[in-house]
C-alpha atoms as a PDB file:
ATOM      1  CA  MET A   1      11.373  -0.927  24.470  1.00  0.00           C
ATOM      2  CA  CYS A   2      13.423  -0.228  21.732  1.00  0.00           C
ATOM      3  CA  ALA A   3      13.854   3.261  20.554  1.00  0.00           C
ATOM      4  CA  GLY A   4      13.272   2.247  16.889  1.00  0.00           C
ATOM      5  CA  ALA A   5       9.963   0.739  17.721  1.00  0.00           C
ATOM      6  CA  GLU A   6       8.079   3.849  17.359  1.00  0.00           C
ATOM      7  CA  GLY A   7       8.619   3.923  13.671  1.00  0.00           C
ATOM      8  CA  PRO A   8       6.249   1.167  12.630  1.00  0.00           C
ATOM      9  CA  ARG A   9       3.726   2.551  15.042  1.00  0.00           C
ATOM     10  CA  ARG A  10       3.989   6.054  13.793  1.00  0.00           C
ATOM     11  CA  ALA A  11       3.489   4.354  10.270  1.00  0.00           C
ATOM     12  CA  GLU A  12       0.434   2.716  11.276  1.00  0.00           C
ATOM     13  CA  ARG A  13      -0.995   5.938  13.059  1.00  0.00           C
ATOM     14  CA  LEU A  14      -0.407   7.853  10.071  1.00  0.00           C
ATOM     15  CA  CYS A  15      -1.931   5.640   7.656  1.00  0.00           C
ATOM     16  CA  ARG A  16      -4.962   4.993   9.603  1.00  0.00           C
ATOM     17  CA  ALA A  17      -5.604   8.667   9.925  1.00  0.00           C
ATOM     18  CA  LEU A  18      -5.027   8.999   5.836  1.00  0.00           C
ATOM     19  CA  ALA A  19      -7.528   6.208   5.600  1.00  0.00           C
ATOM     20  CA  ALA A  20     -10.036   7.569   7.657  1.00  0.00           C
ATOM     21  CA  GLN A  21      -9.950  10.706   5.490  1.00  0.00           C
ATOM     22  CA  LEU A  22     -11.142   8.913   2.393  1.00  0.00           C
ATOM     23  CA  PRO A  23     -14.845   9.026   1.457  1.00  0.00           C
ATOM     24  CA  GLN A  24     -17.300   6.508   2.997  1.00  0.00           C
ATOM     25  CA  GLY A  25     -18.316   3.998   0.603  1.00  0.00           C
ATOM     26  CA  LEU A  26     -15.123   4.191  -1.583  1.00  0.00           C
ATOM     27  CA  ARG A  27     -14.369   0.705  -2.853  1.00  0.00           C
ATOM     28  CA  ILE A  28     -10.683  -0.012  -2.591  1.00  0.00           C
ATOM     29  CA  ASP A  29      -9.403  -3.549  -3.432  1.00  0.00           C
ATOM     30  CA  SER A  30      -5.826  -3.146  -3.618  1.00  0.00           C
ATOM     31  CA  VAL A  31      -3.074  -0.582  -2.847  1.00  0.00           C
ATOM     32  CA  VAL A  32      -0.237  -0.462  -5.100  1.00  0.00           C
ATOM     33  CA  SER A  33       3.127   1.172  -4.113  1.00  0.00           C
ATOM     34  CA  PRO A  34       6.741   1.725  -5.519  1.00  0.00           C
ATOM     35  CA  ALA A  35       8.935  -0.847  -4.063  1.00  0.00           C
ATOM     36  CA  MET A  36      11.597   1.844  -3.560  1.00  0.00           C
ATOM     37  CA  GLY A  37      10.268   3.973  -0.740  1.00  0.00           C
ATOM     38  CA  GLY A  38       6.541   2.789  -0.645  1.00  0.00           C
ATOM     39  CA  VAL A  39       6.479  -0.511   0.444  1.00  0.00           C
ATOM     40  CA  ILE A  40       6.038   0.252   4.049  1.00  0.00           C
ATOM     41  CA  VAL A  41       3.384   3.117   3.541  1.00  0.00           C
ATOM     42  CA  GLY A  42       1.638   0.979   0.853  1.00  0.00           C
ATOM     43  CA  TYR A  43       1.295  -1.902   3.239  1.00  0.00           C
ATOM     44  CA  GLU A  44       0.238   0.221   6.105  1.00  0.00           C
ATOM     45  CA  MET A  45      -2.411   1.637   4.037  1.00  0.00           C
ATOM     46  CA  ALA A  46      -3.784  -1.593   2.807  1.00  0.00           C
ATOM     47  CA  ARG A  47      -3.787  -2.844   6.239  1.00  0.00           C
ATOM     48  CA  ALA A  48      -5.848   0.272   7.383  1.00  0.00           C
ATOM     49  CA  LEU A  49      -8.218  -0.239   4.590  1.00  0.00           C
ATOM     50  CA  GLY A  50      -8.490  -3.936   4.748  1.00  0.00           C
ATOM     51  CA  CYS A  51      -7.390  -4.848   1.216  1.00  0.00           C
ATOM     52  CA  GLN A  52      -4.368  -6.253  -0.606  1.00  0.00           C
ATOM     53  CA  SER A  53      -1.011  -4.770  -0.671  1.00  0.00           C
ATOM     54  CA  MET A  54       1.272  -4.829  -3.865  1.00  0.00           C
ATOM     55  CA  PHE A  55       4.337  -2.888  -5.023  1.00  0.00           C
ATOM     56  CA  LEU A  56       5.797  -2.082  -8.517  1.00  0.00           C
ATOM     57  CA  GLU A  57       9.287  -2.398  -9.369  1.00  0.00           C
ATOM     58  CA  ARG A  58      11.252  -1.081 -12.288  1.00  0.00           C
ATOM     59  CA  PRO A  59      14.042  -3.095 -13.215  1.00  0.00           C
ATOM     60  CA  ASP A  60      14.334  -1.594 -16.692  1.00  0.00           C
ATOM     61  CA  GLY A  61      13.039   2.054 -15.749  1.00  0.00           C
ATOM     62  CA  VAL A  62       9.384   1.328 -16.263  1.00  0.00           C
ATOM     63  CA  PHE A  63       7.208   0.326 -13.498  1.00  0.00           C
ATOM     64  CA  HIS A  64       5.989  -3.554 -13.371  1.00  0.00           C
ATOM     65  CA  LEU A  65       4.005  -5.909 -10.982  1.00  0.00           C
ATOM     66  CA  ARG A  66       6.390  -8.671 -10.487  1.00  0.00           C
ATOM     67  CA  ARG A  67       6.888 -11.473  -7.894  1.00  0.00           C
ATOM     68  CA  GLY A  68       3.498 -12.995  -8.514  1.00  0.00           C
ATOM     69  CA  PHE A  69       1.546  -9.893  -8.101  1.00  0.00           C
ATOM     70  CA  ARG A  70      -1.443  -9.548 -10.610  1.00  0.00           C
ATOM     71  CA  CYS A  71      -4.013  -7.051 -11.084  1.00  0.00           C
ATOM     72  CA  SER A  72      -7.098  -7.352 -13.244  1.00  0.00           C
ATOM     73  CA  ARG A  73      -9.358  -4.690 -14.850  1.00  0.00           C
ATOM     74  CA  ALA A  74     -12.416  -6.472 -13.377  1.00  0.00           C
ATOM     75  CA  SER A  75     -10.990  -5.466  -9.908  1.00  0.00           C
ATOM     76  CA  GLY A  76     -10.749  -2.018 -11.193  1.00  0.00           C
ATOM     77  CA  CYS A  77      -7.020  -2.199 -11.809  1.00  0.00           C
ATOM     78  CA  SER A  78      -5.871  -0.556 -15.165  1.00  0.00           C
END
């Protein structure tokens, strides 16, 4: 086994443990994370919660959803 293979498994275990700490019945449709430094955690949290993962970029210093990601107020995003 590759020595670096533990990193992805560790991220998965951590995010599953964090997701388990959330209140039961909480409705989460999406996890949104920053592109720099947050994509992996955002993806693993979304996977643990069974929802969509999106990331934000800030090409001009302000965070934006890009690359086809969309978020509507009807889904609880604002």
